[in-house]
Amino acid sequence: MSQSGIELLNKLRESALEDLRFFSNSGREAREHWVVSEFLRIQNVQFAEDELISYPLHSKVDVEFRDARFQVKEFLNPGIKRHRDAKERYEKLMSVNSVENMVLPVFSYDVPPVAKIYDLISAEAVSLATSSKYMNEKSNLDLIFYVTRTHASLIKKDEIDYEHLYSVGWRSISCLAGKQATVMFAA
């Protein structure tokens, strides 16, 4: 194998290992930290990265920032198993000895129906608010959704029902979808 082929294979392996770590349970804190950091950046909030404090897996708060206590939730396409996919990709790259004979696994998923991000978030905020895990804590938590689901329209200001979101009981509800960072409601 040529030197450039070896370098390419090594870079692909490094990238696959980073993905494997990022999408693992141990990478959860880094993912949630990134979501809050990106949300603040798009909202033009000046901050230092060390102001974002990540909490362990089973905490009610995922990331704390100043007075905000974020609980991060992600909307994926149904059926996606990112860690499993990352693991299969990494294992395949580790098993090949050249770029020329490399065949990466292909994953197929059902395409979700078209939806409005606002509708998805509104329904999930209600569902989470009535769960025993958050029922007594929600008024002190800032719920932030990270939407990676495809075929979902961005939030339009005129579709936000502030009274309904207020009645759900969270301290605030926000959303990061692509380059759109929206505070949908804040008490």
N, C-alpha and C. Protein backbone atom coordinates (compact mmCIF):
# COMPACT_ATOMS: atom_id res chain seq x y z
N MET A 1 0.86 -1.17 0.00
CA MET A 1 0.00 0.00 0.00
C MET A 1 0.91 1.23 0.00
N SER A 2 0.51 2.25 -0.74
CA SER A 2 1.29 3.47 -0.85
C SER A 2 1.26 4.25 0.47
N GLN A 3 2.20 5.17 0.62
CA GLN A 3 2.26 6.00 1.82
C GLN A 3 0.99 6.82 1.98
N SER A 4 0.48 7.36 0.87
CA SER A 4 -0.76 8.15 0.95
C SER A 4 -1.95 7.26 1.33
N GLY A 5 -1.96 6.02 0.88
CA GLY A 5 -3.01 5.07 1.26
C GLY A 5 -2.97 4.74 2.74
N ILE A 6 -1.76 4.58 3.28
CA ILE A 6 -1.59 4.31 4.71
C ILE A 6 -2.07 5.51 5.53
N GLU A 7 -1.68 6.72 5.08
CA GLU A 7 -2.09 7.93 5.79
C GLU A 7 -3.61 8.10 5.77
N LEU A 8 -4.21 7.84 4.61
CA LEU A 8 -5.67 7.94 4.50
C LEU A 8 -6.36 6.94 5.42
N LEU A 9 -5.90 5.70 5.40
CA LEU A 9 -6.50 4.68 6.25
C LEU A 9 -6.36 5.05 7.73
N ASN A 10 -5.21 5.57 8.12
CA ASN A 10 -5.00 5.98 9.51
C ASN A 10 -5.92 7.14 9.89
N LYS A 11 -6.10 8.09 8.99
CA LYS A 11 -7.01 9.22 9.26
C LYS A 11 -8.46 8.74 9.38
N LEU A 12 -8.84 7.81 8.50
CA LEU A 12 -10.19 7.25 8.58
C LEU A 12 -10.40 6.51 9.90
N ARG A 13 -9.39 5.76 10.34
CA ARG A 13 -9.48 5.05 11.61
C ARG A 13 -9.58 6.02 12.79
N GLU A 14 -8.77 7.08 12.76
CA GLU A 14 -8.82 8.08 13.84
C GLU A 14 -10.20 8.73 13.89
N SER A 15 -10.73 9.09 12.74
CA SER A 15 -12.05 9.71 12.67
C SER A 15 -13.13 8.75 13.18
N ALA A 16 -13.05 7.50 12.79
CA ALA A 16 -14.03 6.51 13.23
C ALA A 16 -13.94 6.29 14.74
N LEU A 17 -12.73 6.31 15.30
CA LEU A 17 -12.57 6.16 16.74
C LEU A 17 -13.16 7.37 17.47
N GLU A 18 -12.96 8.58 16.95
CA GLU A 18 -13.56 9.77 17.54
C GLU A 18 -15.09 9.67 17.54
N ASP A 19 -15.66 9.23 16.41
CA ASP A 19 -17.11 9.05 16.33
C ASP A 19 -17.59 8.02 17.34
N LEU A 20 -16.86 6.91 17.45
CA LEU A 20 -17.22 5.85 18.38
C LEU A 20 -17.26 6.38 19.81
N ARG A 21 -16.25 7.14 20.18
CA ARG A 21 -16.21 7.72 21.53
C ARG A 21 -17.33 8.75 21.73
N PHE A 22 -17.51 9.63 20.75
CA PHE A 22 -18.49 10.71 20.86
C PHE A 22 -19.92 10.17 20.99
N PHE A 23 -20.23 9.11 20.25
CA PHE A 23 -21.59 8.57 20.27
C PHE A 23 -21.80 7.46 21.29
N SER A 24 -20.82 7.23 22.15
CA SER A 24 -20.96 6.23 23.21
C SER A 24 -21.61 6.87 24.43
N ASN A 25 -21.96 6.04 25.42
CA ASN A 25 -22.50 6.59 26.67
C ASN A 25 -21.48 7.50 27.34
N SER A 26 -20.21 7.15 27.26
CA SER A 26 -19.19 7.98 27.89
C SER A 26 -19.00 9.30 27.14
N GLY A 27 -19.49 9.40 25.91
CA GLY A 27 -19.40 10.63 25.14
C GLY A 27 -20.60 11.54 25.32
N ARG A 28 -21.57 11.09 26.11
CA ARG A 28 -22.81 11.85 26.32
C ARG A 28 -22.54 13.25 26.85
N GLU A 29 -21.67 13.37 27.85
CA GLU A 29 -21.38 14.69 28.42
C GLU A 29 -20.82 15.64 27.36
N ALA A 30 -19.93 15.14 26.52
CA ALA A 30 -19.34 15.98 25.46
C ALA A 30 -20.41 16.40 24.45
N ARG A 31 -21.33 15.49 24.10
CA ARG A 31 -22.40 15.82 23.15
C ARG A 31 -23.30 16.90 23.74
N GLU A 32 -23.71 16.73 24.99
CA GLU A 32 -24.60 17.70 25.61
C GLU A 32 -23.90 19.05 25.80
N HIS A 33 -22.65 19.02 26.16
CA HIS A 33 -21.85 20.24 26.29
C HIS A 33 -21.81 20.96 24.94
N TRP A 34 -21.59 20.21 23.86
CA TRP A 34 -21.55 20.79 22.52
C TRP A 34 -22.89 21.44 22.17
N VAL A 35 -24.00 20.77 22.48
CA VAL A 35 -25.33 21.30 22.15
C VAL A 35 -25.53 22.66 22.82
N VAL A 36 -25.25 22.75 24.10
CA VAL A 36 -25.44 24.01 24.82
C VAL A 36 -24.48 25.07 24.30
N SER A 37 -23.23 24.70 24.07
CA SER A 37 -22.24 25.63 23.54
C SER A 37 -22.67 26.18 22.19
N GLU A 38 -23.12 25.32 21.30
CA GLU A 38 -23.56 25.73 19.97
C GLU A 38 -24.81 26.61 20.05
N PHE A 39 -25.74 26.24 20.92
CA PHE A 39 -26.95 27.03 21.12
C PHE A 39 -26.59 28.46 21.55
N LEU A 40 -25.71 28.57 22.55
CA LEU A 40 -25.30 29.89 23.04
C LEU A 40 -24.56 30.68 21.97
N ARG A 41 -23.71 30.01 21.21
CA ARG A 41 -22.95 30.67 20.15
C ARG A 41 -23.90 31.26 19.11
N ILE A 42 -24.88 30.48 18.67
CA ILE A 42 -25.83 30.96 17.66
C ILE A 42 -26.70 32.09 18.22
N GLN A 43 -26.99 32.03 19.51
CA GLN A 43 -27.76 33.09 20.17
C GLN A 43 -26.91 34.33 20.45
N ASN A 44 -25.64 34.30 20.07
CA ASN A 44 -24.70 35.42 20.30
C ASN A 44 -24.49 35.75 21.77
N VAL A 45 -24.49 34.72 22.61
CA VAL A 45 -24.21 34.89 24.03
C VAL A 45 -22.69 34.72 24.20
N GLN A 46 -22.06 35.74 24.80
CA GLN A 46 -20.63 35.67 25.07
C GLN A 46 -20.40 34.79 26.30
N PHE A 47 -19.50 33.81 26.18
CA PHE A 47 -19.23 32.92 27.31
C PHE A 47 -17.87 32.27 27.11
N ALA A 48 -17.35 31.75 28.20
CA ALA A 48 -16.13 30.95 28.16
C ALA A 48 -16.54 29.50 28.32
N GLU A 49 -15.87 28.59 27.62
CA GLU A 49 -16.23 27.17 27.67
C GLU A 49 -16.24 26.63 29.10
N ASP A 50 -15.37 27.16 29.96
CA ASP A 50 -15.33 26.64 31.34
C ASP A 50 -16.53 27.08 32.18
N GLU A 51 -17.40 27.94 31.61
CA GLU A 51 -18.65 28.29 32.28
C GLU A 51 -19.70 27.20 32.13
N LEU A 52 -19.47 26.29 31.19
CA LEU A 52 -20.40 25.17 30.98
C LEU A 52 -19.95 23.99 31.84
N ILE A 53 -20.79 23.61 32.76
CA ILE A 53 -20.46 22.52 33.69
C ILE A 53 -21.33 21.32 33.36
N SER A 54 -20.70 20.21 33.01
CA SER A 54 -21.42 18.99 32.69
C SER A 54 -21.60 18.14 33.94
N TYR A 55 -22.72 17.44 33.99
CA TYR A 55 -23.03 16.59 35.13
C TYR A 55 -23.07 15.12 34.71
N PRO A 56 -22.92 14.21 35.67
CA PRO A 56 -22.92 12.77 35.35
C PRO A 56 -24.25 12.30 34.77
N LEU A 57 -24.22 11.11 34.23
CA LEU A 57 -25.31 10.52 33.46
C LEU A 57 -26.70 10.63 34.09
N HIS A 58 -26.87 10.33 35.34
CA HIS A 58 -28.21 10.25 35.91
C HIS A 58 -28.65 11.51 36.65
N SER A 59 -27.98 12.62 36.42
CA SER A 59 -28.37 13.88 37.04
C SER A 59 -29.58 14.46 36.33
N LYS A 60 -30.36 15.24 37.05
CA LYS A 60 -31.48 15.94 36.42
C LYS A 60 -30.96 17.03 35.49
N VAL A 61 -29.83 17.64 35.87
CA VAL A 61 -29.21 18.68 35.07
C VAL A 61 -28.11 18.04 34.23
N ASP A 62 -28.12 18.31 32.92
CA ASP A 62 -27.06 17.80 32.05
C ASP A 62 -25.91 18.79 31.97
N VAL A 63 -26.24 20.06 31.75
CA VAL A 63 -25.23 21.12 31.63
C VAL A 63 -25.74 22.36 32.35
N GLU A 64 -24.88 22.91 33.19
CA GLU A 64 -25.21 24.14 33.88
C GLU A 64 -24.42 25.28 33.24
N PHE A 65 -25.10 26.39 33.04
CA PHE A 65 -24.45 27.59 32.50
C PHE A 65 -25.02 28.79 33.24
N ARG A 66 -24.15 29.43 34.03
CA ARG A 66 -24.58 30.55 34.86
C ARG A 66 -25.81 30.13 35.66
N ASP A 67 -26.97 30.76 35.46
CA ASP A 67 -28.17 30.38 36.21
C ASP A 67 -29.00 29.32 35.49
N ALA A 68 -28.63 28.97 34.29
CA ALA A 68 -29.40 27.98 33.52
C ALA A 68 -29.01 26.56 33.92
N ARG A 69 -30.01 25.70 33.99
CA ARG A 69 -29.81 24.29 34.34
C ARG A 69 -30.44 23.47 33.21
N PHE A 70 -29.64 23.17 32.19
CA PHE A 70 -30.15 22.54 30.98
C PHE A 70 -30.32 21.03 31.12
N GLN A 71 -31.46 20.57 30.65
CA GLN A 71 -31.73 19.15 30.43
C GLN A 71 -31.79 19.01 28.92
N VAL A 72 -30.84 18.27 28.33
CA VAL A 72 -30.70 18.18 26.88
C VAL A 72 -31.40 16.91 26.37
N LYS A 73 -32.22 17.09 25.36
CA LYS A 73 -32.91 15.96 24.71
C LYS A 73 -32.68 16.07 23.21
N GLU A 74 -32.50 14.93 22.56
CA GLU A 74 -32.24 14.94 21.12
C GLU A 74 -33.36 14.23 20.38
N PHE A 75 -33.73 14.81 19.23
CA PHE A 75 -34.66 14.17 18.31
C PHE A 75 -33.87 13.63 17.14
N LEU A 76 -33.76 12.31 17.06
CA LEU A 76 -33.11 11.62 15.94
C LEU A 76 -34.18 11.11 14.99
N ASN A 77 -33.75 10.68 13.83
CA ASN A 77 -34.66 9.93 12.98
C ASN A 77 -34.99 8.62 13.68
N PRO A 78 -36.23 8.17 13.58
CA PRO A 78 -36.58 6.89 14.21
C PRO A 78 -35.69 5.76 13.71
N GLY A 79 -35.27 4.91 14.62
CA GLY A 79 -34.50 3.72 14.25
C GLY A 79 -33.00 3.91 14.18
N ILE A 80 -32.51 5.13 14.24
CA ILE A 80 -31.06 5.35 14.15
C ILE A 80 -30.38 4.86 15.41
N LYS A 81 -29.31 4.16 15.23
CA LYS A 81 -28.47 3.64 16.32
C LYS A 81 -27.04 4.11 16.06
N ARG A 82 -26.77 5.36 16.41
CA ARG A 82 -25.48 5.97 16.04
C ARG A 82 -24.29 5.24 16.63
N HIS A 83 -24.36 4.83 17.89
CA HIS A 83 -23.21 4.16 18.49
C HIS A 83 -22.96 2.82 17.80
N ARG A 84 -24.01 2.08 17.55
CA ARG A 84 -23.86 0.79 16.85
C ARG A 84 -23.25 1.00 15.47
N ASP A 85 -23.74 1.99 14.75
CA ASP A 85 -23.22 2.28 13.42
C ASP A 85 -21.75 2.70 13.48
N ALA A 86 -21.42 3.55 14.45
CA ALA A 86 -20.03 4.00 14.61
C ALA A 86 -19.12 2.83 14.96
N LYS A 87 -19.62 1.93 15.78
CA LYS A 87 -18.83 0.75 16.17
C LYS A 87 -18.58 -0.15 14.97
N GLU A 88 -19.60 -0.40 14.18
CA GLU A 88 -19.44 -1.24 12.99
C GLU A 88 -18.47 -0.61 12.00
N ARG A 89 -18.56 0.69 11.80
CA ARG A 89 -17.66 1.40 10.89
C ARG A 89 -16.22 1.30 11.39
N TYR A 90 -16.02 1.52 12.69
CA TYR A 90 -14.69 1.45 13.27
C TYR A 90 -14.10 0.04 13.16
N GLU A 91 -14.90 -0.96 13.51
CA GLU A 91 -14.42 -2.35 13.43
C GLU A 91 -14.05 -2.73 12.00
N LYS A 92 -14.84 -2.28 11.04
CA LYS A 92 -14.54 -2.58 9.64
C LYS A 92 -13.22 -1.93 9.23
N LEU A 93 -13.02 -0.67 9.61
CA LEU A 93 -11.77 0.02 9.26
C LEU A 93 -10.56 -0.63 9.94
N MET A 94 -10.75 -1.14 11.13
CA MET A 94 -9.63 -1.80 11.82
C MET A 94 -9.31 -3.17 11.22
N SER A 95 -10.27 -3.75 10.53
CA SER A 95 -10.06 -5.09 9.98
C SER A 95 -9.44 -5.10 8.58
N VAL A 96 -9.43 -3.96 7.90
CA VAL A 96 -8.87 -3.92 6.56
C VAL A 96 -7.39 -3.54 6.63
N ASN A 97 -6.64 -4.00 5.62
CA ASN A 97 -5.21 -3.69 5.61
C ASN A 97 -4.83 -2.73 4.49
N SER A 98 -5.81 -2.30 3.71
CA SER A 98 -5.53 -1.31 2.68
C SER A 98 -6.81 -0.58 2.29
N VAL A 99 -6.62 0.62 1.77
CA VAL A 99 -7.76 1.41 1.31
C VAL A 99 -8.42 0.75 0.11
N GLU A 100 -7.61 0.09 -0.70
CA GLU A 100 -8.12 -0.52 -1.93
C GLU A 100 -9.17 -1.60 -1.68
N ASN A 101 -9.03 -2.36 -0.58
CA ASN A 101 -10.01 -3.43 -0.34
C ASN A 101 -11.00 -3.07 0.77
N MET A 102 -11.13 -1.79 1.05
CA MET A 102 -12.02 -1.33 2.10
C MET A 102 -13.45 -1.22 1.57
N VAL A 103 -14.37 -1.81 2.30
CA VAL A 103 -15.80 -1.68 2.03
C VAL A 103 -16.46 -1.37 3.36
N LEU A 104 -16.96 -0.16 3.48
CA LEU A 104 -17.59 0.23 4.74
C LEU A 104 -19.04 -0.23 4.78
N PRO A 105 -19.54 -0.50 5.99
CA PRO A 105 -20.94 -0.92 6.10
C PRO A 105 -21.88 0.21 5.67
N VAL A 106 -22.99 -0.17 5.10
CA VAL A 106 -24.01 0.78 4.67
C VAL A 106 -25.22 0.56 5.56
N PHE A 107 -25.77 1.64 6.07
CA PHE A 107 -26.92 1.56 6.96
C PHE A 107 -28.11 2.20 6.26
N SER A 108 -29.24 1.54 6.34
CA SER A 108 -30.44 2.13 5.76
C SER A 108 -31.50 2.28 6.84
N TYR A 109 -32.22 3.36 6.74
CA TYR A 109 -33.26 3.66 7.72
C TYR A 109 -34.50 4.15 6.98
N ASP A 110 -35.62 3.98 7.63
CA ASP A 110 -36.85 4.52 7.07
C ASP A 110 -36.78 6.05 7.14
N VAL A 111 -37.31 6.69 6.13
CA VAL A 111 -37.38 8.14 6.11
C VAL A 111 -38.62 8.54 6.92
N PRO A 112 -38.43 9.40 7.93
CA PRO A 112 -39.58 9.77 8.75
C PRO A 112 -40.54 10.67 7.96
N PRO A 113 -41.80 10.67 8.36
CA PRO A 113 -42.75 11.55 7.67
C PRO A 113 -42.41 13.01 7.96
N VAL A 114 -42.85 13.88 7.10
CA VAL A 114 -42.65 15.32 7.27
C VAL A 114 -43.35 15.74 8.57
N ALA A 115 -42.65 16.59 9.34
CA ALA A 115 -43.21 17.06 10.61
C ALA A 115 -42.72 18.47 10.88
N LYS A 116 -43.39 19.12 11.80
CA LYS A 116 -42.95 20.43 12.27
C LYS A 116 -42.16 20.22 13.55
N ILE A 117 -40.99 20.83 13.63
CA ILE A 117 -40.18 20.72 14.84
C ILE A 117 -40.98 21.20 16.05
N TYR A 118 -41.72 22.29 15.88
CA TYR A 118 -42.49 22.81 17.00
C TYR A 118 -43.45 21.75 17.55
N ASP A 119 -44.16 21.06 16.67
CA ASP A 119 -45.12 20.03 17.11
C ASP A 119 -44.41 18.89 17.84
N LEU A 120 -43.25 18.46 17.32
CA LEU A 120 -42.49 17.39 17.97
C LEU A 120 -42.07 17.81 19.38
N ILE A 121 -41.54 19.02 19.48
CA ILE A 121 -41.04 19.51 20.77
C ILE A 121 -42.18 19.73 21.75
N SER A 122 -43.25 20.33 21.31
CA SER A 122 -44.39 20.58 22.18
C SER A 122 -44.91 19.28 22.78
N ALA A 123 -45.09 18.26 21.95
CA ALA A 123 -45.59 16.97 22.43
C ALA A 123 -44.59 16.31 23.39
N GLU A 124 -43.30 16.37 23.06
CA GLU A 124 -42.29 15.74 23.92
C GLU A 124 -42.13 16.50 25.23
N ALA A 125 -42.24 17.82 25.21
CA ALA A 125 -42.15 18.60 26.45
C ALA A 125 -43.27 18.23 27.41
N VAL A 126 -44.47 18.01 26.87
CA VAL A 126 -45.60 17.59 27.69
C VAL A 126 -45.35 16.19 28.24
N SER A 127 -44.91 15.28 27.40
CA SER A 127 -44.65 13.91 27.82
C SER A 127 -43.59 13.86 28.93
N LEU A 128 -42.50 14.58 28.74
CA LEU A 128 -41.44 14.60 29.75
C LEU A 128 -41.92 15.24 31.05
N ALA A 129 -42.73 16.29 30.93
CA ALA A 129 -43.21 17.01 32.11
C ALA A 129 -44.10 16.15 32.99
N THR A 130 -44.78 15.18 32.40
CA THR A 130 -45.67 14.32 33.18
C THR A 130 -44.98 13.05 33.66
N SER A 131 -43.71 12.87 33.29
CA SER A 131 -43.00 11.68 33.73
C SER A 131 -42.54 11.87 35.18
N SER A 132 -42.46 10.78 35.92
CA SER A 132 -42.07 10.87 37.33
C SER A 132 -40.65 11.40 37.49
N LYS A 133 -39.82 11.23 36.49
CA LYS A 133 -38.42 11.69 36.56
C LYS A 133 -38.33 13.20 36.67
N TYR A 134 -39.23 13.94 35.99
CA TYR A 134 -39.13 15.40 35.93
C TYR A 134 -40.27 16.14 36.62
N MET A 135 -41.31 15.45 37.00
CA MET A 135 -42.51 16.11 37.51
C MET A 135 -42.20 17.13 38.61
N ASN A 136 -41.36 16.78 39.56
CA ASN A 136 -41.08 17.68 40.68
C ASN A 136 -39.92 18.63 40.42
N GLU A 137 -39.18 18.42 39.34
CA GLU A 137 -37.99 19.22 39.06
C GLU A 137 -38.15 20.19 37.88
N LYS A 138 -39.15 19.98 37.05
CA LYS A 138 -39.24 20.70 35.78
C LYS A 138 -39.24 22.22 35.91
N SER A 139 -39.81 22.75 36.95
CA SER A 139 -39.87 24.21 37.10
C SER A 139 -38.50 24.82 37.35
N ASN A 140 -37.52 23.98 37.66
CA ASN A 140 -36.14 24.45 37.88
C ASN A 140 -35.21 24.01 36.76
N LEU A 141 -35.77 23.47 35.67
CA LEU A 141 -34.96 22.96 34.56
C LEU A 141 -35.26 23.72 33.27
N ASP A 142 -34.21 23.90 32.50
CA ASP A 142 -34.31 24.53 31.18
C ASP A 142 -34.18 23.41 30.14
N LEU A 143 -35.28 23.06 29.54
CA LEU A 143 -35.32 21.97 28.57
C LEU A 143 -34.80 22.48 27.22
N ILE A 144 -33.81 21.79 26.67
CA ILE A 144 -33.29 22.18 25.36
C ILE A 144 -33.28 20.95 24.47
N PHE A 145 -33.89 21.09 23.31
CA PHE A 145 -33.95 20.01 22.33
C PHE A 145 -32.92 20.26 21.24
N TYR A 146 -32.24 19.19 20.87
CA TYR A 146 -31.31 19.22 19.75
C TYR A 146 -31.94 18.33 18.68
N VAL A 147 -32.31 18.94 17.55
CA VAL A 147 -33.05 18.22 16.52
C VAL A 147 -32.13 17.87 15.35
N THR A 148 -31.91 16.57 15.17
CA THR A 148 -31.14 16.08 14.02
C THR A 148 -32.05 15.29 13.08
N ARG A 149 -33.31 15.22 13.39
CA ARG A 149 -34.29 14.49 12.59
C ARG A 149 -34.45 15.18 11.24
N THR A 150 -34.49 14.38 10.20
CA THR A 150 -34.70 14.93 8.86
C THR A 150 -36.19 15.10 8.59
N HIS A 151 -36.50 15.82 7.54
CA HIS A 151 -37.88 16.07 7.11
C HIS A 151 -38.70 16.75 8.20
N ALA A 152 -38.07 17.69 8.90
CA ALA A 152 -38.77 18.45 9.93
C ALA A 152 -38.52 19.94 9.66
N SER A 153 -39.60 20.70 9.62
CA SER A 153 -39.48 22.13 9.30
C SER A 153 -39.04 22.91 10.53
N LEU A 154 -38.25 23.94 10.28
CA LEU A 154 -37.75 24.78 11.36
C LEU A 154 -38.91 25.51 12.04
N ILE A 155 -38.65 25.99 13.24
CA ILE A 155 -39.67 26.66 14.03
C ILE A 155 -39.91 28.07 13.49
N LYS A 156 -41.18 28.40 13.36
CA LYS A 156 -41.58 29.76 12.98
C LYS A 156 -42.14 30.43 14.23
N LYS A 157 -41.75 31.66 14.45
CA LYS A 157 -42.16 32.39 15.66
C LYS A 157 -43.68 32.40 15.83
N ASP A 158 -44.44 32.52 14.73
CA ASP A 158 -45.89 32.63 14.84
C ASP A 158 -46.59 31.32 15.20
N GLU A 159 -45.88 30.20 15.17
CA GLU A 159 -46.52 28.93 15.54
C GLU A 159 -46.32 28.59 17.03
N ILE A 160 -45.50 29.36 17.73
CA ILE A 160 -45.22 29.07 19.14
C ILE A 160 -46.40 29.51 20.00
N ASP A 161 -46.94 28.58 20.75
CA ASP A 161 -48.04 28.85 21.68
C ASP A 161 -47.44 29.01 23.08
N TYR A 162 -47.12 30.25 23.43
CA TYR A 162 -46.43 30.54 24.69
C TYR A 162 -47.25 30.12 25.90
N GLU A 163 -48.55 30.35 25.86
CA GLU A 163 -49.40 29.99 27.01
C GLU A 163 -49.38 28.49 27.24
N HIS A 164 -49.46 27.73 26.15
CA HIS A 164 -49.42 26.27 26.28
C HIS A 164 -48.07 25.83 26.86
N LEU A 165 -46.98 26.36 26.33
CA LEU A 165 -45.65 25.97 26.82
C LEU A 165 -45.47 26.37 28.28
N TYR A 166 -45.99 27.53 28.67
CA TYR A 166 -45.93 27.97 30.07
C TYR A 166 -46.67 26.97 30.96
N SER A 167 -47.82 26.52 30.50
CA SER A 167 -48.65 25.61 31.31
C SER A 167 -48.01 24.24 31.52
N VAL A 168 -47.03 23.90 30.69
CA VAL A 168 -46.38 22.59 30.81
C VAL A 168 -45.49 22.54 32.05
N GLY A 169 -44.93 23.70 32.46
CA GLY A 169 -44.24 23.75 33.74
C GLY A 169 -42.73 23.83 33.74
N TRP A 170 -42.08 23.78 32.58
CA TRP A 170 -40.62 23.90 32.53
C TRP A 170 -40.22 25.34 32.77
N ARG A 171 -39.01 25.57 33.26
CA ARG A 171 -38.53 26.95 33.44
C ARG A 171 -38.33 27.62 32.09
N SER A 172 -37.82 26.85 31.12
CA SER A 172 -37.73 27.35 29.74
C SER A 172 -37.67 26.15 28.80
N ILE A 173 -38.01 26.40 27.54
CA ILE A 173 -37.92 25.38 26.49
C ILE A 173 -37.26 26.03 25.29
N SER A 174 -36.17 25.41 24.83
CA SER A 174 -35.41 25.93 23.70
C SER A 174 -35.13 24.81 22.72
N CYS A 175 -34.64 25.21 21.54
CA CYS A 175 -34.37 24.23 20.50
C CYS A 175 -33.16 24.66 19.67
N LEU A 176 -32.30 23.68 19.37
CA LEU A 176 -31.21 23.86 18.42
C LEU A 176 -31.48 22.91 17.26
N ALA A 177 -31.66 23.48 16.07
CA ALA A 177 -31.91 22.69 14.87
C ALA A 177 -31.07 23.30 13.75
N GLY A 178 -30.00 22.61 13.38
CA GLY A 178 -29.10 23.17 12.38
C GLY A 178 -28.50 24.46 12.89
N LYS A 179 -28.69 25.53 12.15
CA LYS A 179 -28.18 26.85 12.55
C LYS A 179 -29.26 27.71 13.19
N GLN A 180 -30.38 27.10 13.55
CA GLN A 180 -31.46 27.84 14.23
C GLN A 180 -31.44 27.49 15.71
N ALA A 181 -31.29 28.52 16.53
CA ALA A 181 -31.34 28.36 17.99
C ALA A 181 -32.50 29.22 18.48
N THR A 182 -33.53 28.58 19.00
CA THR A 182 -34.76 29.27 19.35
C THR A 182 -35.09 29.08 20.83
N VAL A 183 -35.32 30.19 21.51
CA VAL A 183 -35.90 30.13 22.86
C VAL A 183 -37.41 30.19 22.63
N MET A 184 -38.07 29.08 22.86
CA MET A 184 -39.51 29.01 22.57
C MET A 184 -40.35 29.60 23.70
N PHE A 185 -39.80 29.48 24.90
CA PHE A 185 -40.52 29.95 26.08
C PHE A 185 -39.51 30.08 27.22
N ALA A 186 -39.66 31.13 28.03
CA ALA A 186 -38.85 31.28 29.25
C ALA A 186 -39.72 31.89 30.32
N ALA A 187 -39.74 31.25 31.48
CA ALA A 187 -40.54 31.76 32.61
C ALA A 187 -39.90 33.01 33.17
